[in-house]
Amino acid sequence: MDIVRLFLEGGSLLMTVLTIEFILLILAAWKAPAWVKEIGIIALITGIFSILLTFHALFEGVQKAGMISTEVIFGGFKVAMIPLFYGMIIYFLSLIIRIIQKPRI
């Protein structure tokens, strides 16, 4: 899959917000290690918010249009999952960075 296509399909606004959060995560890992986990949680919540926002728009479109094929509905579900996966990846990376940064016993 093409990264740019996934970025545009996921919605340029929320995917941009998630990318900014990813950049902040990398900067925090270097300059403010105490914020790494919190930035990851914010990215996860942004991904969940994006899926809820996308589902709301999808259901509103289905309500206005009436009868819609299942291919279109599941295509909407597939597109709605893209920012959620991106947010989950950022959260996962924040946990890995946090584990690496923890002092050894």
PDB file of N, CA and C in Angstrom:
ATOM      1  N   MET A   1       0.837  -1.191   0.000  1.00  0.00           N
ATOM      2  CA  MET A   1       0.000   0.000   0.000  1.00  0.00           C
ATOM      3  C   MET A   1       0.874   1.245   0.000  1.00  0.00           C
ATOM      4  N   ASP A   2       0.392   2.229  -0.671  1.00  0.00           N
ATOM      5  CA  ASP A   2       1.106   3.489  -0.783  1.00  0.00           C
ATOM      6  C   ASP A   2       0.822   4.347   0.454  1.00  0.00           C
ATOM      7  N   ILE A   3       1.866   4.835   1.100  1.00  0.00           N
ATOM      8  CA  ILE A   3       1.727   5.623   2.322  1.00  0.00           C
ATOM      9  C   ILE A   3       0.946   6.907   2.083  1.00  0.00           C
ATOM     10  N   VAL A   4       1.217   7.572   0.974  1.00  0.00           N
ATOM     11  CA  VAL A   4       0.534   8.837   0.673  1.00  0.00           C
ATOM     12  C   VAL A   4      -0.954   8.592   0.457  1.00  0.00           C
ATOM     13  N   ARG A   5      -1.289   7.500  -0.229  1.00  0.00           N
ATOM     14  CA  ARG A   5      -2.700   7.175  -0.455  1.00  0.00           C
ATOM     15  C   ARG A   5      -3.416   6.889   0.855  1.00  0.00           C
ATOM     16  N   LEU A   6      -2.767   6.142   1.749  1.00  0.00           N
ATOM     17  CA  LEU A   6      -3.360   5.881   3.058  1.00  0.00           C
ATOM     18  C   LEU A   6      -3.545   7.174   3.844  1.00  0.00           C
ATOM     19  N   PHE A   7      -2.559   8.060   3.757  1.00  0.00           N
ATOM     20  CA  PHE A   7      -2.647   9.341   4.457  1.00  0.00           C
ATOM     21  C   PHE A   7      -3.851  10.135   3.973  1.00  0.00           C
ATOM     22  N   LEU A   8      -4.037  10.206   2.660  1.00  0.00           N
ATOM     23  CA  LEU A   8      -5.146  10.980   2.100  1.00  0.00           C
ATOM     24  C   LEU A   8      -6.495  10.304   2.342  1.00  0.00           C
ATOM     25  N   GLU A   9      -6.539   8.974   2.268  1.00  0.00           N
ATOM     26  CA  GLU A   9      -7.788   8.259   2.533  1.00  0.00           C
ATOM     27  C   GLU A   9      -8.205   8.390   3.990  1.00  0.00           C
ATOM     28  N   GLY A  10      -7.245   8.434   4.892  1.00  0.00           N
ATOM     29  CA  GLY A  10      -7.549   8.523   6.310  1.00  0.00           C
ATOM     30  C   GLY A  10      -8.088   9.879   6.732  1.00  0.00           C
ATOM     31  N   GLY A  11      -8.028  10.849   5.860  1.00  0.00           N
ATOM     32  CA  GLY A  11      -8.500  12.195   6.197  1.00  0.00           C
ATOM     33  C   GLY A  11      -7.306  13.071   6.507  1.00  0.00           C
ATOM     34  N   SER A  12      -7.076  14.049   5.680  1.00  0.00           N
ATOM     35  CA  SER A  12      -5.840  14.817   5.808  1.00  0.00           C
ATOM     36  C   SER A  12      -5.751  15.588   7.124  1.00  0.00           C
ATOM     37  N   LEU A  13      -6.865  16.038   7.680  1.00  0.00           N
ATOM     38  CA  LEU A  13      -6.813  16.819   8.924  1.00  0.00           C
ATOM     39  C   LEU A  13      -6.363  15.959  10.106  1.00  0.00           C
ATOM     40  N   LEU A  14      -7.070  14.873  10.347  1.00  0.00           N
ATOM     41  CA  LEU A  14      -6.725  14.051  11.510  1.00  0.00           C
ATOM     42  C   LEU A  14      -5.426  13.274  11.309  1.00  0.00           C
ATOM     43  N   MET A  15      -5.116  12.908  10.088  1.00  0.00           N
ATOM     44  CA  MET A  15      -3.834  12.242   9.846  1.00  0.00           C
ATOM     45  C   MET A  15      -2.680  13.224  10.047  1.00  0.00           C
ATOM     46  N   THR A  16      -2.894  14.498   9.716  1.00  0.00           N
ATOM     47  CA  THR A  16      -1.876  15.514   9.980  1.00  0.00           C
ATOM     48  C   THR A  16      -1.688  15.704  11.477  1.00  0.00           C
ATOM     49  N   VAL A  17      -2.794  15.730  12.218  1.00  0.00           N
ATOM     50  CA  VAL A  17      -2.709  15.849  13.683  1.00  0.00           C
ATOM     51  C   VAL A  17      -1.942  14.658  14.257  1.00  0.00           C
ATOM     52  N   LEU A  18      -2.231  13.468  13.767  1.00  0.00           N
ATOM     53  CA  LEU A  18      -1.510  12.284  14.250  1.00  0.00           C
ATOM     54  C   LEU A  18      -0.029  12.333  13.874  1.00  0.00           C
ATOM     55  N   THR A  19       0.293  12.847  12.700  1.00  0.00           N
ATOM     56  CA  THR A  19       1.692  12.976  12.306  1.00  0.00           C
ATOM     57  C   THR A  19       2.417  13.977  13.191  1.00  0.00           C
ATOM     58  N   ILE A  20       1.757  15.076  13.527  1.00  0.00           N
ATOM     59  CA  ILE A  20       2.346  16.056  14.450  1.00  0.00           C
ATOM     60  C   ILE A  20       2.573  15.408  15.814  1.00  0.00           C
ATOM     61  N   GLU A  21       1.618  14.606  16.268  1.00  0.00           N
ATOM     62  CA  GLU A  21       1.792  13.901  17.539  1.00  0.00           C
ATOM     63  C   GLU A  21       2.956  12.906  17.462  1.00  0.00           C
ATOM     64  N   PHE A  22       3.141  12.274  16.314  1.00  0.00           N
ATOM     65  CA  PHE A  22       4.274  11.362  16.135  1.00  0.00           C
ATOM     66  C   PHE A  22       5.599  12.121  16.207  1.00  0.00           C
ATOM     67  N   ILE A  23       5.656  13.274  15.568  1.00  0.00           N
ATOM     68  CA  ILE A  23       6.867  14.098  15.620  1.00  0.00           C
ATOM     69  C   ILE A  23       7.129  14.553  17.048  1.00  0.00           C
ATOM     70  N   LEU A  24       6.068  14.949  17.758  1.00  0.00           N
ATOM     71  CA  LEU A  24       6.223  15.342  19.164  1.00  0.00           C
ATOM     72  C   LEU A  24       6.707  14.176  20.013  1.00  0.00           C
ATOM     73  N   LEU A  25       6.254  12.968  19.685  1.00  0.00           N
ATOM     74  CA  LEU A  25       6.716  11.783  20.409  1.00  0.00           C
ATOM     75  C   LEU A  25       8.217  11.585  20.230  1.00  0.00           C
ATOM     76  N   ILE A  26       8.699  11.732  19.006  1.00  0.00           N
ATOM     77  CA  ILE A  26      10.131  11.574  18.743  1.00  0.00           C
ATOM     78  C   ILE A  26      10.921  12.658  19.471  1.00  0.00           C
ATOM     79  N   LEU A  27      10.431  13.896  19.431  1.00  0.00           N
ATOM     80  CA  LEU A  27      11.115  14.987  20.140  1.00  0.00           C
ATOM     81  C   LEU A  27      11.082  14.775  21.651  1.00  0.00           C
ATOM     82  N   ALA A  28       9.953  14.287  22.167  1.00  0.00           N
ATOM     83  CA  ALA A  28       9.847  14.044  23.604  1.00  0.00           C
ATOM     84  C   ALA A  28      10.770  12.918  24.040  1.00  0.00           C
ATOM     85  N   ALA A  29      10.952  11.927  23.198  1.00  0.00           N
ATOM     86  CA  ALA A  29      11.869  10.835  23.543  1.00  0.00           C
ATOM     87  C   ALA A  29      13.283  11.357  23.712  1.00  0.00           C
ATOM     88  N   TRP A  30      13.596  12.419  23.013  1.00  0.00           N
ATOM     89  CA  TRP A  30      14.930  12.987  23.076  1.00  0.00           C
ATOM     90  C   TRP A  30      15.047  14.054  24.152  1.00  0.00           C
ATOM     91  N   LYS A  31      14.046  14.940  24.275  1.00  0.00           N
ATOM     92  CA  LYS A  31      14.149  16.093  25.168  1.00  0.00           C
ATOM     93  C   LYS A  31      13.334  15.977  26.463  1.00  0.00           C
ATOM     94  N   ALA A  32      12.155  15.345  26.417  1.00  0.00           N
ATOM     95  CA  ALA A  32      11.274  15.278  27.589  1.00  0.00           C
ATOM     96  C   ALA A  32      10.735  13.858  27.754  1.00  0.00           C
ATOM     97  N   PRO A  33      11.554  12.941  28.232  1.00  0.00           N
ATOM     98  CA  PRO A  33      11.142  11.537  28.321  1.00  0.00           C
ATOM     99  C   PRO A  33       9.909  11.286  29.181  1.00  0.00           C
ATOM    100  N   ALA A  34       9.620  12.167  30.108  1.00  0.00           N
ATOM    101  CA  ALA A  34       8.447  11.968  30.966  1.00  0.00           C
ATOM    102  C   ALA A  34       7.138  12.121  30.191  1.00  0.00           C
ATOM    103  N   TRP A  35       7.177  12.730  29.038  1.00  0.00           N
ATOM    104  CA  TRP A  35       5.954  12.982  28.268  1.00  0.00           C
ATOM    105  C   TRP A  35       5.679  11.916  27.210  1.00  0.00           C
ATOM    106  N   VAL A  36       6.554  10.963  27.065  1.00  0.00           N
ATOM    107  CA  VAL A  36       6.442   9.989  25.976  1.00  0.00           C
ATOM    108  C   VAL A  36       5.133   9.208  26.060  1.00  0.00           C
ATOM    109  N   LYS A  37       4.820   8.652  27.214  1.00  0.00           N
ATOM    110  CA  LYS A  37       3.609   7.847  27.351  1.00  0.00           C
ATOM    111  C   LYS A  37       2.353   8.694  27.155  1.00  0.00           C
ATOM    112  N   GLU A  38       2.370   9.923  27.672  1.00  0.00           N
ATOM    113  CA  GLU A  38       1.208  10.794  27.547  1.00  0.00           C
ATOM    114  C   GLU A  38       0.934  11.177  26.098  1.00  0.00           C
ATOM    115  N   ILE A  39       1.993  11.442  25.348  1.00  0.00           N
ATOM    116  CA  ILE A  39       1.811  11.766  23.927  1.00  0.00           C
ATOM    117  C   ILE A  39       1.267  10.547  23.184  1.00  0.00           C
ATOM    118  N   GLY A  40       1.718   9.356  23.544  1.00  0.00           N
ATOM    119  CA  GLY A  40       1.179   8.141  22.936  1.00  0.00           C
ATOM    120  C   GLY A  40      -0.299   7.951  23.249  1.00  0.00           C
ATOM    121  N   ILE A  41      -0.700   8.240  24.471  1.00  0.00           N
ATOM    122  CA  ILE A  41      -2.114   8.142  24.842  1.00  0.00           C
ATOM    123  C   ILE A  41      -2.945   9.163  24.077  1.00  0.00           C
ATOM    124  N   ILE A  42      -2.416  10.376  23.918  1.00  0.00           N
ATOM    125  CA  ILE A  42      -3.129  11.396  23.143  1.00  0.00           C
ATOM    126  C   ILE A  42      -3.303  10.930  21.696  1.00  0.00           C
ATOM    127  N   ALA A  43      -2.289  10.293  21.121  1.00  0.00           N
ATOM    128  CA  ALA A  43      -2.395   9.789  19.745  1.00  0.00           C
ATOM    129  C   ALA A  43      -3.454   8.691  19.653  1.00  0.00           C
ATOM    130  N   LEU A  44      -3.510   7.816  20.640  1.00  0.00           N
ATOM    131  CA  LEU A  44      -4.517   6.760  20.648  1.00  0.00           C
ATOM    132  C   LEU A  44      -5.919   7.353  20.744  1.00  0.00           C
ATOM    133  N   ILE A  45      -6.095   8.330  21.613  1.00  0.00           N
ATOM    134  CA  ILE A  45      -7.398   8.976  21.754  1.00  0.00           C
ATOM    135  C   ILE A  45      -7.771   9.729  20.476  1.00  0.00           C
ATOM    136  N   THR A  46      -6.806  10.349  19.819  1.00  0.00           N
ATOM    137  CA  THR A  46      -7.072  11.012  18.542  1.00  0.00           C
ATOM    138  C   THR A  46      -7.538  10.000  17.503  1.00  0.00           C
ATOM    139  N   GLY A  47      -6.932   8.830  17.468  1.00  0.00           N
ATOM    140  CA  GLY A  47      -7.369   7.779  16.540  1.00  0.00           C
ATOM    141  C   GLY A  47      -8.781   7.304  16.835  1.00  0.00           C
ATOM    142  N   ILE A  48      -9.111   7.143  18.119  1.00  0.00           N
ATOM    143  CA  ILE A  48     -10.469   6.736  18.498  1.00  0.00           C
ATOM    144  C   ILE A  48     -11.467   7.835  18.145  1.00  0.00           C
ATOM    145  N   PHE A  49     -11.100   9.083  18.402  1.00  0.00           N
ATOM    146  CA  PHE A  49     -11.974  10.203  18.043  1.00  0.00           C
ATOM    147  C   PHE A  49     -12.211  10.252  16.542  1.00  0.00           C
ATOM    148  N   SER A  50     -11.171   9.991  15.764  1.00  0.00           N
ATOM    149  CA  SER A  50     -11.315  10.044  14.303  1.00  0.00           C
ATOM    150  C   SER A  50     -12.263   8.963  13.803  1.00  0.00           C
ATOM    151  N   ILE A  51     -12.201   7.766  14.398  1.00  0.00           N
ATOM    152  CA  ILE A  51     -13.100   6.706  13.944  1.00  0.00           C
ATOM    153  C   ILE A  51     -14.538   7.032  14.315  1.00  0.00           C
ATOM    154  N   LEU A  52     -14.751   7.610  15.477  1.00  0.00           N
ATOM    155  CA  LEU A  52     -16.111   8.001  15.863  1.00  0.00           C
ATOM    156  C   LEU A  52     -16.640   9.102  14.955  1.00  0.00           C
ATOM    157  N   LEU A  53     -15.801  10.053  14.621  1.00  0.00           N
ATOM    158  CA  LEU A  53     -16.191  11.135  13.718  1.00  0.00           C
ATOM    159  C   LEU A  53     -16.510  10.591  12.321  1.00  0.00           C
ATOM    160  N   THR A  54     -15.695   9.668  11.850  1.00  0.00           N
ATOM    161  CA  THR A  54     -15.923   9.079  10.534  1.00  0.00           C
ATOM    162  C   THR A  54     -17.180   8.229  10.517  1.00  0.00           C
ATOM    163  N   PHE A  55     -17.419   7.455  11.570  1.00  0.00           N
ATOM    164  CA  PHE A  55     -18.646   6.663  11.643  1.00  0.00           C
ATOM    165  C   PHE A  55     -19.874   7.562  11.662  1.00  0.00           C
ATOM    166  N   HIS A  56     -19.791   8.679  12.377  1.00  0.00           N
ATOM    167  CA  HIS A  56     -20.918   9.614  12.412  1.00  0.00           C
ATOM    168  C   HIS A  56     -21.222  10.129  11.003  1.00  0.00           C
ATOM    169  N   ALA A  57     -20.193  10.504  10.263  1.00  0.00           N
ATOM    170  CA  ALA A  57     -20.393  10.988   8.897  1.00  0.00           C
ATOM    171  C   ALA A  57     -20.925   9.869   7.996  1.00  0.00           C
ATOM    172  N   LEU A  58     -20.414   8.650   8.184  1.00  0.00           N
ATOM    173  CA  LEU A  58     -20.868   7.514   7.392  1.00  0.00           C
ATOM    174  C   LEU A  58     -22.345   7.228   7.653  1.00  0.00           C
ATOM    175  N   PHE A  59     -22.739   7.183   8.908  1.00  0.00           N
ATOM    176  CA  PHE A  59     -24.129   6.892   9.244  1.00  0.00           C
ATOM    177  C   PHE A  59     -25.062   8.006   8.788  1.00  0.00           C
ATOM    178  N   GLU A  60     -24.597   9.240   8.849  1.00  0.00           N
ATOM    179  CA  GLU A  60     -25.394  10.353   8.360  1.00  0.00           C
ATOM    180  C   GLU A  60     -25.602  10.242   6.847  1.00  0.00           C
ATOM    181  N   GLY A  61     -24.557   9.852   6.130  1.00  0.00           N
ATOM    182  CA  GLY A  61     -24.679   9.657   4.687  1.00  0.00           C
ATOM    183  C   GLY A  61     -25.616   8.516   4.339  1.00  0.00           C
ATOM    184  N   VAL A  62     -25.548   7.429   5.093  1.00  0.00           N
ATOM    185  CA  VAL A  62     -26.445   6.292   4.861  1.00  0.00           C
ATOM    186  C   VAL A  62     -27.886   6.700   5.144  1.00  0.00           C
ATOM    187  N   GLN A  63     -28.093   7.464   6.195  1.00  0.00           N
ATOM    188  CA  GLN A  63     -29.440   7.913   6.542  1.00  0.00           C
ATOM    189  C   GLN A  63     -30.025   8.805   5.447  1.00  0.00           C
ATOM    190  N   LYS A  64     -29.223   9.705   4.894  1.00  0.00           N
ATOM    191  CA  LYS A  64     -29.712  10.602   3.847  1.00  0.00           C
ATOM    192  C   LYS A  64     -29.943   9.867   2.533  1.00  0.00           C
ATOM    193  N   ALA A  65     -29.064   8.928   2.196  1.00  0.00           N
ATOM    194  CA  ALA A  65     -29.149   8.260   0.902  1.00  0.00           C
ATOM    195  C   ALA A  65     -30.172   7.133   0.888  1.00  0.00           C
ATOM    196  N   GLY A  66     -30.452   6.573   2.033  1.00  0.00           N
ATOM    197  CA  GLY A  66     -31.396   5.460   2.077  1.00  0.00           C
ATOM    198  C   GLY A  66     -30.690   4.137   1.869  1.00  0.00           C
ATOM    199  N   MET A  67     -31.046   3.428   0.807  1.00  0.00           N
ATOM    200  CA  MET A  67     -30.503   2.102   0.548  1.00  0.00           C
ATOM    201  C   MET A  67     -29.119   2.221  -0.086  1.00  0.00           C
ATOM    202  N   ILE A  68     -28.093   1.695   0.602  1.00  0.00           N
ATOM    203  CA  ILE A  68     -26.719   1.727   0.106  1.00  0.00           C
ATOM    204  C   ILE A  68     -26.172   0.302   0.164  1.00  0.00           C
ATOM    205  N   SER A  69     -25.350  -0.054  -0.810  1.00  0.00           N
ATOM    206  CA  SER A  69     -24.795  -1.402  -0.853  1.00  0.00           C
ATOM    207  C   SER A  69     -23.814  -1.624   0.299  1.00  0.00           C
ATOM    208  N   THR A  70     -23.666  -2.877   0.650  1.00  0.00           N
ATOM    209  CA  THR A  70     -22.758  -3.214   1.752  1.00  0.00           C
ATOM    210  C   THR A  70     -21.311  -2.943   1.390  1.00  0.00           C
ATOM    211  N   GLU A  71     -20.977  -2.989   0.087  1.00  0.00           N
ATOM    212  CA  GLU A  71     -19.604  -2.703  -0.333  1.00  0.00           C
ATOM    213  C   GLU A  71     -19.221  -1.269   0.024  1.00  0.00           C
ATOM    214  N   VAL A  72     -20.144  -0.356  -0.166  1.00  0.00           N
ATOM    215  CA  VAL A  72     -19.873   1.045   0.149  1.00  0.00           C
ATOM    216  C   VAL A  72     -19.735   1.236   1.653  1.00  0.00           C
ATOM    217  N   ILE A  73     -20.605   0.600   2.423  1.00  0.00           N
ATOM    218  CA  ILE A  73     -20.556   0.735   3.882  1.00  0.00           C
ATOM    219  C   ILE A  73     -19.260   0.156   4.443  1.00  0.00           C
ATOM    220  N   PHE A  74     -18.887  -1.036   3.993  1.00  0.00           N
ATOM    221  CA  PHE A  74     -17.653  -1.636   4.494  1.00  0.00           C
ATOM    222  C   PHE A  74     -16.410  -0.921   3.964  1.00  0.00           C
ATOM    223  N   GLY A  75     -16.521  -0.297   2.806  1.00  0.00           N
ATOM    224  CA  GLY A  75     -15.435   0.563   2.336  1.00  0.00           C
ATOM    225  C   GLY A  75     -15.248   1.746   3.265  1.00  0.00           C
ATOM    226  N   GLY A  76     -16.368   2.294   3.763  1.00  0.00           N
ATOM    227  CA  GLY A  76     -16.297   3.375   4.748  1.00  0.00           C
ATOM    228  C   GLY A  76     -15.680   2.913   6.053  1.00  0.00           C
ATOM    229  N   PHE A  77     -16.017   1.692   6.490  1.00  0.00           N
ATOM    230  CA  PHE A  77     -15.407   1.140   7.700  1.00  0.00           C
ATOM    231  C   PHE A  77     -13.900   0.988   7.529  1.00  0.00           C
ATOM    232  N   LYS A  78     -13.505   0.504   6.343  1.00  0.00           N
ATOM    233  CA  LYS A  78     -12.072   0.304   6.069  1.00  0.00           C
ATOM    234  C   LYS A  78     -11.318   1.628   6.120  1.00  0.00           C
ATOM    235  N   VAL A  79     -11.893   2.659   5.525  1.00  0.00           N
ATOM    236  CA  VAL A  79     -11.248   3.978   5.533  1.00  0.00           C
ATOM    237  C   VAL A  79     -11.223   4.555   6.946  1.00  0.00           C
ATOM    238  N   ALA A  80     -12.274   4.299   7.724  1.00  0.00           N
ATOM    239  CA  ALA A  80     -12.340   4.829   9.091  1.00  0.00           C
ATOM    240  C   ALA A  80     -11.275   4.219   9.996  1.00  0.00           C
ATOM    241  N   MET A  81     -10.833   3.019   9.670  1.00  0.00           N
ATOM    242  CA  MET A  81      -9.841   2.336  10.509  1.00  0.00           C
ATOM    243  C   MET A  81      -8.427   2.880  10.334  1.00  0.00           C
ATOM    244  N   ILE A  82      -8.144   3.572   9.242  1.00  0.00           N
ATOM    245  CA  ILE A  82      -6.774   4.009   8.953  1.00  0.00           C
ATOM    246  C   ILE A  82      -6.219   4.916  10.053  1.00  0.00           C
ATOM    247  N   PRO A  83      -6.910   6.007  10.454  1.00  0.00           N
ATOM    248  CA  PRO A  83      -6.347   6.835  11.536  1.00  0.00           C
ATOM    249  C   PRO A  83      -6.269   6.112  12.881  1.00  0.00           C
ATOM    250  N   LEU A  84      -7.197   5.178  13.108  1.00  0.00           N
ATOM    251  CA  LEU A  84      -7.142   4.414  14.349  1.00  0.00           C
ATOM    252  C   LEU A  84      -5.880   3.560  14.398  1.00  0.00           C
ATOM    253  N   PHE A  85      -5.563   2.887  13.296  1.00  0.00           N
ATOM    254  CA  PHE A  85      -4.338   2.083  13.251  1.00  0.00           C
ATOM    255  C   PHE A  85      -3.101   2.957  13.417  1.00  0.00           C
ATOM    256  N   TYR A  86      -3.105   4.122  12.792  1.00  0.00           N
ATOM    257  CA  TYR A  86      -1.973   5.042  12.907  1.00  0.00           C
ATOM    258  C   TYR A  86      -1.803   5.485  14.361  1.00  0.00           C
ATOM    259  N   GLY A  87      -2.899   5.829  15.025  1.00  0.00           N
ATOM    260  CA  GLY A  87      -2.831   6.206  16.437  1.00  0.00           C
ATOM    261  C   GLY A  87      -2.363   5.058  17.317  1.00  0.00           C
ATOM    262  N   MET A  88      -2.792   3.840  16.992  1.00  0.00           N
ATOM    263  CA  MET A  88      -2.359   2.674  17.764  1.00  0.00           C
ATOM    264  C   MET A  88      -0.872   2.403  17.574  1.00  0.00           C
ATOM    265  N   ILE A  89      -0.382   2.601  16.363  1.00  0.00           N
ATOM    266  CA  ILE A  89       1.048   2.415  16.097  1.00  0.00           C
ATOM    267  C   ILE A  89       1.867   3.433  16.884  1.00  0.00           C
ATOM    268  N   ILE A  90       1.413   4.687  16.909  1.00  0.00           N
ATOM    269  CA  ILE A  90       2.121   5.721  17.663  1.00  0.00           C
ATOM    270  C   ILE A  90       2.115   5.383  19.154  1.00  0.00           C
ATOM    271  N   TYR A  91       0.983   4.912  19.670  1.00  0.00           N
ATOM    272  CA  TYR A  91       0.910   4.527  21.080  1.00  0.00           C
ATOM    273  C   TYR A  91       1.850   3.354  21.362  1.00  0.00           C
ATOM    274  N   PHE A  92       1.880   2.374  20.485  1.00  0.00           N
ATOM    275  CA  PHE A  92       2.769   1.227  20.647  1.00  0.00           C
ATOM    276  C   PHE A  92       4.230   1.669  20.667  1.00  0.00           C
ATOM    277  N   LEU A  93       4.580   2.576  19.755  1.00  0.00           N
ATOM    278  CA  LEU A  93       5.952   3.094  19.731  1.00  0.00           C
ATOM    279  C   LEU A  93       6.280   3.863  21.013  1.00  0.00           C
ATOM    280  N   SER A  94       5.285   4.584  21.553  1.00  0.00           N
ATOM    281  CA  SER A  94       5.540   5.312  22.804  1.00  0.00           C
ATOM    282  C   SER A  94       5.811   4.343  23.952  1.00  0.00           C
ATOM    283  N   LEU A  95       5.117   3.213  23.953  1.00  0.00           N
ATOM    284  CA  LEU A  95       5.378   2.219  24.997  1.00  0.00           C
ATOM    285  C   LEU A  95       6.762   1.590  24.837  1.00  0.00           C
ATOM    286  N   ILE A  96       7.161   1.322  23.611  1.00  0.00           N
ATOM    287  CA  ILE A  96       8.494   0.758  23.368  1.00  0.00           C
ATOM    288  C   ILE A  96       9.575   1.760  23.786  1.00  0.00           C
ATOM    289  N   ILE A  97       9.392   3.026  23.415  1.00  0.00           N
ATOM    290  CA  ILE A  97      10.357   4.058  23.816  1.00  0.00           C
ATOM    291  C   ILE A  97      10.412   4.167  25.330  1.00  0.00           C
ATOM    292  N   ARG A  98       9.260   4.095  25.964  1.00  0.00           N
ATOM    293  CA  ARG A  98       9.199   4.183  27.433  1.00  0.00           C
ATOM    294  C   ARG A  98       9.939   3.013  28.079  1.00  0.00           C
ATOM    295  N   ILE A  99       9.783   1.816  27.529  1.00  0.00           N
ATOM    296  CA  ILE A  99      10.485   0.650  28.060  1.00  0.00           C
ATOM    297  C   ILE A  99      11.989   0.795  27.889  1.00  0.00           C
ATOM    298  N   ILE A 100      12.411   1.278  26.731  1.00  0.00           N
ATOM    299  CA  ILE A 100      13.834   1.463  26.478  1.00  0.00           C
ATOM    300  C   ILE A 100      14.435   2.499  27.418  1.00  0.00           C
ATOM    301  N   GLN A 101      13.676   3.553  27.735  1.00  0.00           N
ATOM    302  CA  GLN A 101      14.180   4.633  28.561  1.00  0.00           C
ATOM    303  C   GLN A 101      14.151   4.333  30.057  1.00  0.00           C
ATOM    304  N   LYS A 102      13.425   3.304  30.476  1.00  0.00           N
ATOM    305  CA  LYS A 102      13.354   2.989  31.908  1.00  0.00           C
ATOM    306  C   LYS A 102      14.731   2.580  32.416  1.00  0.00           C
ATOM    307  N   PRO A 103      15.031   3.002  33.630  1.00  0.00           N
ATOM    308  CA  PRO A 103      16.340   2.607  34.191  1.00  0.00           C
ATOM    309  C   PRO A 103      16.378   1.099  34.454  1.00  0.00           C
ATOM    310  N   ARG A 104      17.551   0.533  34.249  1.00  0.00           N
ATOM    311  CA  ARG A 104      17.722  -0.911  34.457  1.00  0.00           C
ATOM    312  C   ARG A 104      17.828  -1.190  35.962  1.00  0.00           C
ATOM    313  N   ILE A 105      17.303  -2.315  36.372  1.00  0.00           N
ATOM    314  CA  ILE A 105      17.368  -2.693  37.783  1.00  0.00           C
ATOM    315  C   ILE A 105      18.632  -3.470  38.049  1.00  0.00           C
TER     316      ILE A 105
END
